[in-house]
Amino acid sequence: MTESSQDPRIRLLTYSEVEEVRGYVGNFDVTIRKKARFVDLDKCTGCGECTQKCPKKVPSEFDMGLGKRKAIYTPFGQAVPNVPVIDKDNCLYFKKGRCKLCVEACGPGAIKLDDEDELITEKFGAIVVATGFQQFDWTRYGEYGGGKIKNIVTGLHMERMLETTGPTAGKVVRPSDGKLARDVVFVQCVGSRDEKSGMPYCSRVCCMYTAKHALLLKEHQPESQAYIFYIDVRAPGKNYEEFYQKVQRDFGAIYIRGRPSRIYERGERLVVRGADTLTGRPVEVEADLVVLASAMVPNADAVELAKKLNIPHDQYGFFTEVHPKLQPVDSVTRGVFLTGACQFPRDIPDTVAMSGAAAVGVCSIFSQDELTIEPRIARVDEQRCTGCLSCVEVCPFGAIETRERDGRTIASIQESLCAGCGNCASTCRQRAIDVQGFKDEQILAQIKAAFA
């Protein structure tokens, strides 16, 4: 994304974070922190001279620590805009007050060492949440090395190694010494389907990306051999089962049904010890590299973001939709749509489909001159309301305001924000709030009619 556009109605911000969200559908006020990148986007030409001159190297987050990056860097090769950012925590100028080689190397004068964060407030009609996921902390598994054995990596490490433009130029190597890995063991469900040490749910994508890695490993290094420990293979998508079988038949991947009990070092190699539950016999495989298919979990700040957007989340931190079948991308806050792995682990086809559904939801709002609200909203009986404002404290959507009437303060419902949850009605001691269609008299009448 870029921060400018030929269309004056479009303004796209990168390297920014949402600070606060207020308002309602069609009229959201979003406060955004535009973080200081210390490079002027309008002046920078993306030539890369500053990056070449920078003397400081640190492990690259994008390459999962398998490669190095400079203290001034472009996050990844296809980043748009192709403009670098200065890592303030590692830059020699910010740490020790010296260097400035990037300033001297920059012909257009785009380096701004005095840049600061900027708070911007913009109006939006709708919000699409697509915040993704992060990997499960696989170092919890002491039996798999606990993160202390260099030649035990995750699927994302493997993904970067198999990339021809990645840190190893497409070669699968041992991180400890850089030698080619001949025997590679893949372990499925690390952190998934594990109520004791991980998450009880299935991460859905691991079976297929492990099969893909086994295939690419054989293509890149024909002399290699892949061993895959699994609980059971879940391949529910179109042509997924055929792909999984092809990896076994045509590329020689050996599937072993069972979860390893221990992985340890023996000399320069690793030993993966487990049991084949199909034959009931113990199994011991020597490997040069072990790849763990770690679970997909919500981002660490997912719950904090859910509070800012007034949307619910489940016990794990994934955002919750209104209805999994009838409204799979709608949140309870109208105008806020959910897509991708922020709801639950999803693969690429499902994410693309849900993203399209969210885009249609946004278009359905923007195509109307007026919006029709749901009739199931709260109403305040102004004669009964005593102004205790207990309802304000329990409303998760901020839909209750206060106003003056006849010299006293009473509650007032902001209809555009009300979701009809009924928290206010159940809290009001004066019974001054009811949800339309769910008044006590109406509910009792329905009960009586059922037994008439």
Protein backbone atom coordinates (compact mmCIF):
# COMPACT_ATOMS: atom_id res chain seq x y z
CA MET A 1 0.00 0.00 0.00
CA THR A 2 1.04 3.56 -0.51
CA GLU A 3 0.27 6.73 1.36
CA SER A 4 -0.96 8.59 -1.69
CA SER A 5 -3.23 7.86 -4.61
CA GLN A 6 -4.38 9.36 -7.88
CA ASP A 7 -7.92 9.14 -6.53
CA PRO A 8 -8.33 12.01 -4.02
CA ARG A 9 -10.92 10.01 -2.10
CA ILE A 10 -8.37 7.32 -1.23
CA ARG A 11 -5.69 7.65 1.42
CA LEU A 12 -3.81 4.54 2.40
CA LEU A 13 -1.55 4.53 5.43
CA THR A 14 1.33 2.14 6.04
CA TYR A 15 3.46 1.58 9.14
CA SER A 16 0.56 2.76 11.29
CA GLU A 17 -1.52 1.48 14.19
CA VAL A 18 -5.13 2.07 15.25
CA GLU A 19 -5.28 3.93 18.56
CA GLU A 20 -9.03 4.50 19.02
CA VAL A 21 -12.30 3.84 17.21
CA ARG A 22 -15.45 5.83 17.95
CA GLY A 23 -18.75 6.39 16.22
CA TYR A 24 -21.06 4.06 14.34
CA VAL A 25 -21.68 2.56 10.90
CA GLY A 26 -21.21 5.13 8.17
CA ASN A 27 -19.58 7.55 10.61
CA PHE A 28 -16.58 5.98 12.35
CA ASP A 29 -13.94 8.31 13.79
CA VAL A 30 -10.65 6.39 13.80
CA THR A 31 -7.53 7.75 15.46
CA ILE A 32 -4.40 6.34 13.79
CA ARG A 33 -0.82 6.54 15.02
CA LYS A 34 1.38 7.09 11.98
CA LYS A 35 4.69 5.83 13.29
CA ALA A 36 7.92 7.67 12.58
CA ARG A 37 9.89 5.89 9.86
CA PHE A 38 12.59 8.59 9.68
CA VAL A 39 12.38 8.60 5.88
CA ASP A 40 10.45 11.15 3.81
CA LEU A 41 8.09 9.20 1.54
CA ASP A 42 7.75 12.07 -0.91
CA LYS A 43 11.52 12.46 -1.42
CA CYS A 44 12.66 8.83 -1.29
CA THR A 45 13.24 7.16 -4.67
CA GLY A 46 13.86 3.66 -3.30
CA CYS A 47 17.39 3.53 -4.70
CA GLY A 48 18.73 1.57 -1.71
CA GLU A 49 21.96 3.56 -1.30
CA CYS A 50 21.23 4.19 2.39
CA THR A 51 20.76 0.47 3.06
CA GLN A 52 24.05 -0.41 1.37
CA LYS A 53 26.02 2.15 3.39
CA CYS A 54 24.52 1.22 6.77
CA PRO A 55 27.15 -0.69 8.83
CA LYS A 56 24.77 -2.20 11.39
CA LYS A 57 23.38 -5.71 10.79
CA VAL A 58 20.74 -7.48 12.88
CA PRO A 59 18.72 -10.70 12.43
CA SER A 60 15.88 -10.30 9.92
CA GLU A 61 12.39 -10.84 11.34
CA PHE A 62 11.01 -11.55 7.86
CA ASP A 63 13.61 -14.27 7.31
CA MET A 64 12.90 -15.73 10.77
CA GLY A 65 16.43 -14.94 11.90
CA LEU A 66 17.98 -17.04 9.13
CA GLY A 67 19.37 -13.94 7.44
CA LYS A 68 20.50 -10.44 8.32
CA ARG A 69 19.11 -6.99 7.60
CA LYS A 70 20.46 -3.48 8.11
CA ALA A 71 19.32 -0.94 10.70
CA ILE A 72 17.73 0.97 7.78
CA TYR A 73 15.86 -1.52 5.66
CA THR A 74 12.86 -2.35 3.49
CA PRO A 75 10.79 -5.01 5.34
CA PHE A 76 10.74 -7.38 2.35
CA GLY A 77 11.50 -7.30 -1.36
CA GLN A 78 7.93 -6.74 -2.59
CA ALA A 79 7.04 -4.10 0.01
CA VAL A 80 4.89 -1.24 -1.27
CA PRO A 81 5.86 1.54 -0.97
CA ASN A 82 9.43 0.48 -1.67
CA VAL A 83 10.72 2.88 0.96
CA PRO A 84 13.01 1.90 3.85
CA VAL A 85 12.44 2.52 7.54
CA ILE A 86 15.01 3.09 10.28
CA ASP A 87 15.03 0.63 13.17
CA LYS A 88 15.47 3.09 16.03
CA ASP A 89 16.35 0.37 18.55
CA ASN A 90 19.38 -0.77 16.53
CA CYS A 91 20.46 2.40 14.66
CA LEU A 92 23.91 3.60 15.79
CA TYR A 93 22.82 7.24 15.59
CA PHE A 94 19.91 6.76 18.02
CA LYS A 95 21.89 4.47 20.33
CA LYS A 96 25.29 6.21 20.39
CA GLY A 97 24.77 9.52 18.61
CA ARG A 98 27.15 8.73 15.76
CA CYS A 99 27.21 7.34 12.18
CA LYS A 100 24.74 9.23 9.87
CA LEU A 101 26.13 7.34 6.86
CA CYS A 102 22.60 6.97 5.51
CA VAL A 103 22.18 10.77 5.56
CA GLU A 104 25.40 11.23 3.59
CA ALA A 105 24.47 8.51 1.07
CA CYS A 106 20.94 9.81 0.39
CA GLY A 107 21.06 12.06 -2.68
CA PRO A 108 17.45 13.30 -2.49
CA GLY A 109 17.86 14.14 1.22
CA ALA A 110 15.00 11.88 2.32
CA ILE A 111 16.41 10.87 5.71
CA LYS A 112 14.60 12.67 8.57
CA LEU A 113 16.28 11.79 11.85
CA ASP A 114 14.01 14.19 13.74
CA ASP A 115 10.82 12.47 12.55
CA GLU A 116 8.15 11.81 15.19
CA ASP A 117 4.95 9.78 15.52
CA GLU A 118 1.84 11.56 14.29
CA LEU A 119 -1.76 11.07 15.41
CA ILE A 120 -4.30 11.31 12.59
CA THR A 121 -8.09 11.18 12.93
CA GLU A 122 -10.03 10.11 9.83
CA LYS A 123 -13.69 9.35 9.13
CA PHE A 124 -14.64 5.97 7.70
CA GLY A 125 -17.93 4.43 6.72
CA ALA A 126 -16.94 0.82 7.39
CA ILE A 127 -14.07 -1.18 8.85
CA VAL A 128 -12.64 -4.51 7.67
CA VAL A 129 -10.55 -6.36 10.26
CA ALA A 130 -7.87 -8.60 8.73
CA THR A 131 -5.16 -8.72 11.38
CA GLY A 132 -3.97 -12.28 10.71
CA PHE A 133 -2.29 -14.55 13.24
CA GLN A 134 1.01 -15.47 14.83
CA GLN A 135 2.80 -18.75 15.47
CA PHE A 136 2.33 -20.75 18.64
CA ASP A 137 5.32 -20.53 20.97
CA TRP A 138 6.75 -23.97 20.20
CA THR A 139 9.59 -23.49 22.70
CA ARG A 140 7.09 -24.65 25.36
CA TYR A 141 7.75 -28.20 24.18
CA GLY A 142 10.84 -29.24 26.12
CA GLU A 143 10.72 -32.71 24.55
CA TYR A 144 11.29 -31.01 21.17
CA GLY A 145 14.33 -29.10 22.30
CA GLY A 146 12.53 -26.12 23.84
CA GLY A 147 13.99 -23.79 21.21
CA LYS A 148 17.58 -24.58 22.24
CA ILE A 149 18.50 -26.92 19.37
CA LYS A 150 19.41 -24.88 16.28
CA ASN A 151 18.45 -27.55 13.76
CA ILE A 152 14.85 -27.72 14.97
CA VAL A 153 12.84 -25.03 13.14
CA THR A 154 9.22 -24.19 12.31
CA GLY A 155 7.24 -24.26 9.09
CA LEU A 156 7.84 -20.53 8.56
CA HIS A 157 11.61 -21.10 8.72
CA MET A 158 11.19 -23.81 6.10
CA GLU A 159 9.08 -21.48 3.96
CA ARG A 160 11.85 -18.87 3.91
CA MET A 161 14.53 -21.46 3.10
CA LEU A 162 12.53 -22.82 0.15
CA GLU A 163 12.09 -19.33 -1.29
CA THR A 164 14.63 -18.81 -4.09
CA THR A 165 15.05 -15.15 -3.08
CA GLY A 166 15.27 -16.05 0.60
CA PRO A 167 18.24 -16.16 2.95
CA THR A 168 19.46 -19.57 1.68
CA ALA A 169 18.61 -19.07 -2.02
CA GLY A 170 16.13 -21.95 -2.02
CA LYS A 171 18.44 -24.48 -0.34
CA VAL A 172 17.28 -26.35 2.75
CA VAL A 173 20.22 -26.16 5.13
CA ARG A 174 21.05 -26.84 8.76
CA PRO A 175 21.03 -23.48 10.63
CA SER A 176 23.86 -24.73 12.87
CA ASP A 177 26.50 -25.08 10.13
CA GLY A 178 24.88 -24.18 6.79
CA LYS A 179 25.26 -27.71 5.37
CA LEU A 180 22.54 -29.13 3.10
CA ALA A 181 19.89 -31.12 4.95
CA ARG A 182 19.41 -34.56 3.43
CA ASP A 183 17.03 -36.24 5.88
CA VAL A 184 14.25 -33.93 7.05
CA VAL A 185 11.60 -34.87 9.63
CA PHE A 186 8.32 -32.94 9.76
CA VAL A 187 6.23 -33.06 12.95
CA GLN A 188 2.54 -32.20 12.66
CA CYS A 189 0.21 -30.64 15.24
CA VAL A 190 2.81 -28.90 17.42
CA GLY A 191 0.56 -26.78 19.63
CA SER A 192 -2.61 -27.86 17.80
CA ARG A 193 -5.06 -30.47 19.11
CA ASP A 194 -3.19 -30.52 22.40
CA GLU A 195 -5.26 -29.54 25.44
CA LYS A 196 -2.38 -30.08 27.84
CA SER A 197 0.44 -28.00 26.37
CA GLY A 198 -1.10 -26.20 23.38
CA MET A 199 -4.47 -25.39 21.84
CA PRO A 200 -7.37 -27.85 21.61
CA TYR A 201 -8.39 -26.77 18.09
CA CYS A 202 -7.01 -27.85 14.69
CA SER A 203 -5.02 -25.16 12.86
CA ARG A 204 -6.33 -26.51 9.53
CA VAL A 205 -3.46 -25.45 7.26
CA CYS A 206 -0.59 -27.53 8.69
CA CYS A 207 -1.28 -30.82 6.87
CA MET A 208 -1.24 -29.17 3.47
CA TYR A 209 1.69 -26.81 3.91
CA THR A 210 3.77 -29.68 5.30
CA ALA A 211 2.93 -31.73 2.20
CA LYS A 212 3.91 -28.74 0.06
CA HIS A 213 7.22 -28.40 1.91
CA ALA A 214 7.95 -32.10 1.40
CA LEU A 215 7.28 -31.74 -2.32
CA LEU A 216 9.43 -28.62 -2.73
CA LEU A 217 12.22 -30.20 -0.67
CA LYS A 218 12.39 -33.09 -3.15
CA GLU A 219 12.29 -30.72 -6.12
CA HIS A 220 15.06 -28.48 -4.78
CA GLN A 221 17.22 -31.34 -3.44
CA PRO A 222 16.36 -34.64 -5.20
CA GLU A 223 18.68 -36.65 -2.93
CA SER A 224 16.73 -35.65 0.18
CA GLN A 225 14.16 -37.70 2.08
CA ALA A 226 11.12 -36.40 3.99
CA TYR A 227 9.57 -38.15 7.00
CA ILE A 228 6.25 -36.84 8.32
CA PHE A 229 4.92 -37.68 11.80
CA TYR A 230 1.16 -37.07 11.95
CA ILE A 231 -1.91 -37.76 14.09
CA ASP A 232 -4.22 -37.95 11.09
CA VAL A 233 -4.22 -36.05 7.80
CA ARG A 234 -6.99 -33.49 7.32
CA ALA A 235 -7.31 -32.52 3.66
CA PRO A 236 -10.87 -31.19 3.16
CA GLY A 237 -10.30 -28.70 0.30
CA LYS A 238 -10.65 -29.14 -3.45
CA ASN A 239 -7.94 -31.50 -4.76
CA TYR A 240 -6.25 -31.51 -1.32
CA GLU A 241 -6.52 -35.28 -0.87
CA GLU A 242 -5.10 -35.87 -4.35
CA PHE A 243 -2.18 -33.54 -3.60
CA TYR A 244 -1.39 -35.29 -0.31
CA GLN A 245 -1.40 -38.68 -2.04
CA LYS A 246 0.79 -37.36 -4.85
CA VAL A 247 3.42 -36.24 -2.34
CA GLN A 248 3.61 -39.82 -1.05
CA ARG A 249 3.39 -41.58 -4.41
CA ASP A 250 5.49 -39.38 -6.67
CA PHE A 251 7.83 -37.62 -4.24
CA GLY A 252 8.50 -40.43 -1.79
CA ALA A 253 7.44 -38.74 1.45
CA ILE A 254 7.17 -41.29 4.25
CA TYR A 255 4.19 -40.72 6.56
CA ILE A 256 4.47 -42.17 10.09
CA ARG A 257 1.26 -42.15 12.13
CA GLY A 258 2.15 -40.97 15.61
CA ARG A 259 3.51 -38.02 17.56
CA PRO A 260 7.21 -38.05 18.51
CA SER A 261 7.88 -38.35 22.23
CA ARG A 262 11.37 -36.87 22.13
CA ILE A 263 13.85 -35.14 19.83
CA TYR A 264 17.48 -34.90 20.85
CA GLU A 265 20.97 -34.48 19.40
CA ARG A 266 23.35 -37.35 18.69
CA GLY A 267 26.61 -36.00 17.39
CA GLU A 268 25.90 -33.73 14.41
CA ARG A 269 22.48 -35.28 13.73
CA LEU A 270 19.08 -35.28 15.42
CA VAL A 271 17.20 -38.30 16.64
CA VAL A 272 13.41 -38.30 16.47
CA ARG A 273 11.96 -40.98 18.72
CA GLY A 274 8.29 -41.97 18.66
CA ALA A 275 5.91 -44.79 17.89
CA ASP A 276 4.09 -45.86 14.74
CA THR A 277 0.52 -46.28 16.01
CA LEU A 278 -0.45 -48.28 12.90
CA THR A 279 2.07 -51.07 13.59
CA GLY A 280 2.40 -50.53 17.34
CA ARG A 281 6.18 -50.44 17.09
CA PRO A 282 8.67 -47.84 18.33
CA VAL A 283 10.30 -45.67 15.65
CA GLU A 284 13.62 -43.87 15.66
CA VAL A 285 14.59 -41.63 12.74
CA GLU A 286 17.89 -39.84 12.33
CA ALA A 287 17.60 -36.45 10.66
CA ASP A 288 19.65 -33.43 9.66
CA LEU A 289 16.73 -31.04 10.22
CA VAL A 290 13.39 -31.19 12.05
CA VAL A 291 10.51 -28.94 10.99
CA LEU A 292 7.67 -28.34 13.45
CA ALA A 293 4.22 -27.47 12.09
CA SER A 294 3.38 -24.99 14.86
CA ALA A 295 -0.19 -23.91 15.55
CA MET A 296 -1.82 -20.69 14.40
CA VAL A 297 -2.87 -18.50 17.35
CA PRO A 298 -4.33 -14.97 17.62
CA ASN A 299 -2.00 -11.99 17.71
CA ALA A 300 -0.84 -10.97 21.17
CA ASP A 301 -2.81 -7.69 21.02
CA ALA A 302 -5.99 -9.21 19.55
CA VAL A 303 -8.05 -8.76 22.73
CA GLU A 304 -6.94 -5.13 23.06
CA LEU A 305 -8.00 -4.44 19.46
CA ALA A 306 -11.35 -6.16 20.05
CA LYS A 307 -12.02 -3.71 22.89
CA LYS A 308 -11.23 -0.74 20.64
CA LEU A 309 -13.64 -2.03 17.98
CA ASN A 310 -16.36 -3.16 20.41
CA ILE A 311 -16.42 -6.68 18.98
CA PRO A 312 -16.47 -9.93 20.98
CA HIS A 313 -13.80 -12.63 20.98
CA ASP A 314 -13.65 -16.26 22.03
CA GLN A 315 -11.61 -17.86 24.80
CA TYR A 316 -8.53 -18.00 22.59
CA GLY A 317 -8.65 -14.40 21.35
CA PHE A 318 -10.14 -14.98 17.88
CA PHE A 319 -12.81 -12.45 16.88
CA THR A 320 -16.40 -13.68 16.86
CA GLU A 321 -18.87 -13.21 14.01
CA VAL A 322 -22.64 -12.72 14.39
CA HIS A 323 -23.49 -16.16 12.99
CA PRO A 324 -21.05 -18.73 11.52
CA LYS A 325 -23.41 -19.63 8.65
CA LEU A 326 -25.83 -16.76 8.06
CA GLN A 327 -23.50 -13.84 8.78
CA PRO A 328 -19.96 -15.27 8.72
CA VAL A 329 -18.12 -11.95 8.17
CA ASP A 330 -20.34 -9.56 10.14
CA SER A 331 -19.44 -8.53 13.68
CA VAL A 332 -22.03 -7.48 16.23
CA THR A 333 -20.91 -3.87 15.68
CA ARG A 334 -22.58 -2.95 12.44
CA GLY A 335 -20.17 -1.69 9.82
CA VAL A 336 -17.25 -3.75 11.18
CA PHE A 337 -16.48 -6.85 9.09
CA LEU A 338 -14.14 -9.74 9.88
CA THR A 339 -12.03 -11.76 7.48
CA GLY A 340 -9.00 -14.01 7.37
CA ALA A 341 -7.29 -15.71 10.28
CA CYS A 342 -8.35 -13.08 12.83
CA GLN A 343 -11.56 -15.17 13.17
CA PHE A 344 -10.00 -18.62 13.19
CA PRO A 345 -7.21 -20.50 11.35
CA ARG A 346 -7.90 -20.32 7.63
CA ASP A 347 -6.04 -21.25 4.47
CA ILE A 348 -5.66 -18.99 1.42
CA PRO A 349 -8.81 -20.08 -0.55
CA ASP A 350 -11.06 -19.59 2.49
CA THR A 351 -9.44 -16.24 3.27
CA VAL A 352 -9.95 -15.01 -0.31
CA ALA A 353 -13.61 -16.07 -0.23
CA MET A 354 -14.26 -14.37 3.11
CA SER A 355 -12.43 -11.23 2.00
CA GLY A 356 -14.73 -11.02 -1.00
CA ALA A 357 -17.74 -11.42 1.28
CA ALA A 358 -16.46 -8.60 3.52
CA ALA A 359 -15.96 -6.35 0.48
CA VAL A 360 -19.54 -7.03 -0.63
CA GLY A 361 -20.72 -6.13 2.88
CA VAL A 362 -18.92 -2.80 2.67
CA CYS A 363 -20.36 -2.12 -0.79
CA SER A 364 -23.87 -2.90 0.45
CA ILE A 365 -23.47 -0.10 3.01
CA PHE A 366 -21.95 2.42 0.62
CA SER A 367 -24.55 1.76 -2.08
CA GLN A 368 -27.39 3.09 0.12
CA ASP A 369 -28.30 6.70 0.73
CA GLU A 370 -29.94 5.73 4.03
CA LEU A 371 -29.32 2.78 6.33
CA THR A 372 -32.10 0.80 7.97
CA ILE A 373 -31.36 -0.15 11.56
CA GLU A 374 -32.50 -3.34 13.27
CA PRO A 375 -35.82 -2.93 15.17
CA ARG A 376 -34.42 -4.91 18.12
CA ILE A 377 -32.90 -1.98 20.01
CA ALA A 378 -33.29 -0.65 23.54
CA ARG A 379 -35.72 2.10 24.52
CA VAL A 380 -35.69 4.25 27.66
CA ASP A 381 -38.87 5.10 29.56
CA GLU A 382 -37.97 8.69 30.44
CA GLN A 383 -40.61 8.87 33.19
CA ARG A 384 -39.13 5.91 35.07
CA CYS A 385 -35.43 6.65 34.53
CA THR A 386 -33.82 8.01 37.72
CA GLY A 387 -30.42 8.73 36.17
CA CYS A 388 -28.49 6.08 38.12
CA LEU A 389 -26.66 5.30 34.83
CA SER A 390 -25.92 1.67 35.73
CA CYS A 391 -26.81 0.90 32.13
CA VAL A 392 -23.91 3.03 30.86
CA GLU A 393 -21.40 0.86 32.71
CA VAL A 394 -22.65 -2.45 31.28
CA CYS A 395 -23.19 -1.41 27.64
CA PRO A 396 -20.37 -3.00 25.62
CA PHE A 397 -21.08 -0.84 22.57
CA GLY A 398 -21.07 2.61 24.14
CA ALA A 399 -24.61 3.11 22.88
CA ILE A 400 -25.98 4.83 26.00
CA GLU A 401 -25.49 8.54 26.47
CA THR A 402 -26.82 11.02 29.00
CA ARG A 403 -29.00 14.04 28.46
CA GLU A 404 -30.90 16.57 30.51
CA ARG A 405 -34.71 16.45 30.81
CA ASP A 406 -36.75 18.62 33.15
CA GLY A 407 -33.68 19.47 35.18
CA ARG A 408 -32.52 15.89 35.70
CA THR A 409 -30.03 13.60 33.97
CA ILE A 410 -31.42 10.53 32.23
CA ALA A 411 -30.10 7.80 29.93
CA SER A 412 -30.52 8.08 26.17
CA ILE A 413 -30.00 5.37 23.53
CA GLN A 414 -27.82 6.04 20.47
CA GLU A 415 -29.83 3.88 18.05
CA SER A 416 -27.05 3.53 15.49
CA LEU A 417 -24.79 1.87 18.07
CA CYS A 418 -27.30 -0.28 19.95
CA ALA A 419 -27.08 -4.01 19.14
CA GLY A 420 -30.05 -5.05 21.27
CA CYS A 421 -27.99 -7.27 23.58
CA GLY A 422 -30.23 -6.51 26.56
CA ASN A 423 -27.49 -5.89 29.13
CA CYS A 424 -28.97 -2.52 30.01
CA ALA A 425 -32.48 -3.90 30.44
CA SER A 426 -31.33 -6.64 32.80
CA THR A 427 -29.29 -4.13 34.85
CA CYS A 428 -31.86 -1.34 35.23
CA ARG A 429 -33.32 -1.49 38.75
CA GLN A 430 -36.20 0.81 37.83
CA ARG A 431 -37.18 -1.31 34.80
CA ALA A 432 -36.90 1.86 32.75
CA ILE A 433 -35.23 0.15 29.74
CA ASP A 434 -36.70 -2.49 27.48
CA VAL A 435 -35.54 -4.05 24.21
CA GLN A 436 -38.15 -3.62 21.51
CA GLY A 437 -39.86 -6.93 20.81
CA PHE A 438 -38.56 -8.41 24.06
CA LYS A 439 -40.52 -6.61 26.73
CA ASP A 440 -41.52 -8.68 29.73
CA GLU A 441 -45.17 -8.62 28.70
CA GLN A 442 -44.32 -9.82 25.18
CA ILE A 443 -42.12 -12.66 26.40
CA LEU A 444 -44.74 -13.80 28.92
CA ALA A 445 -47.43 -13.68 26.20
CA GLN A 446 -45.30 -15.94 23.99
CA ILE A 447 -44.84 -18.42 26.85
CA LYS A 448 -48.58 -18.47 27.59
CA ALA A 449 -49.39 -18.95 23.90
CA ALA A 450 -47.08 -21.98 23.72
CA PHE A 451 -49.01 -23.73 26.52
CA ALA A 452 -52.48 -22.53 25.59
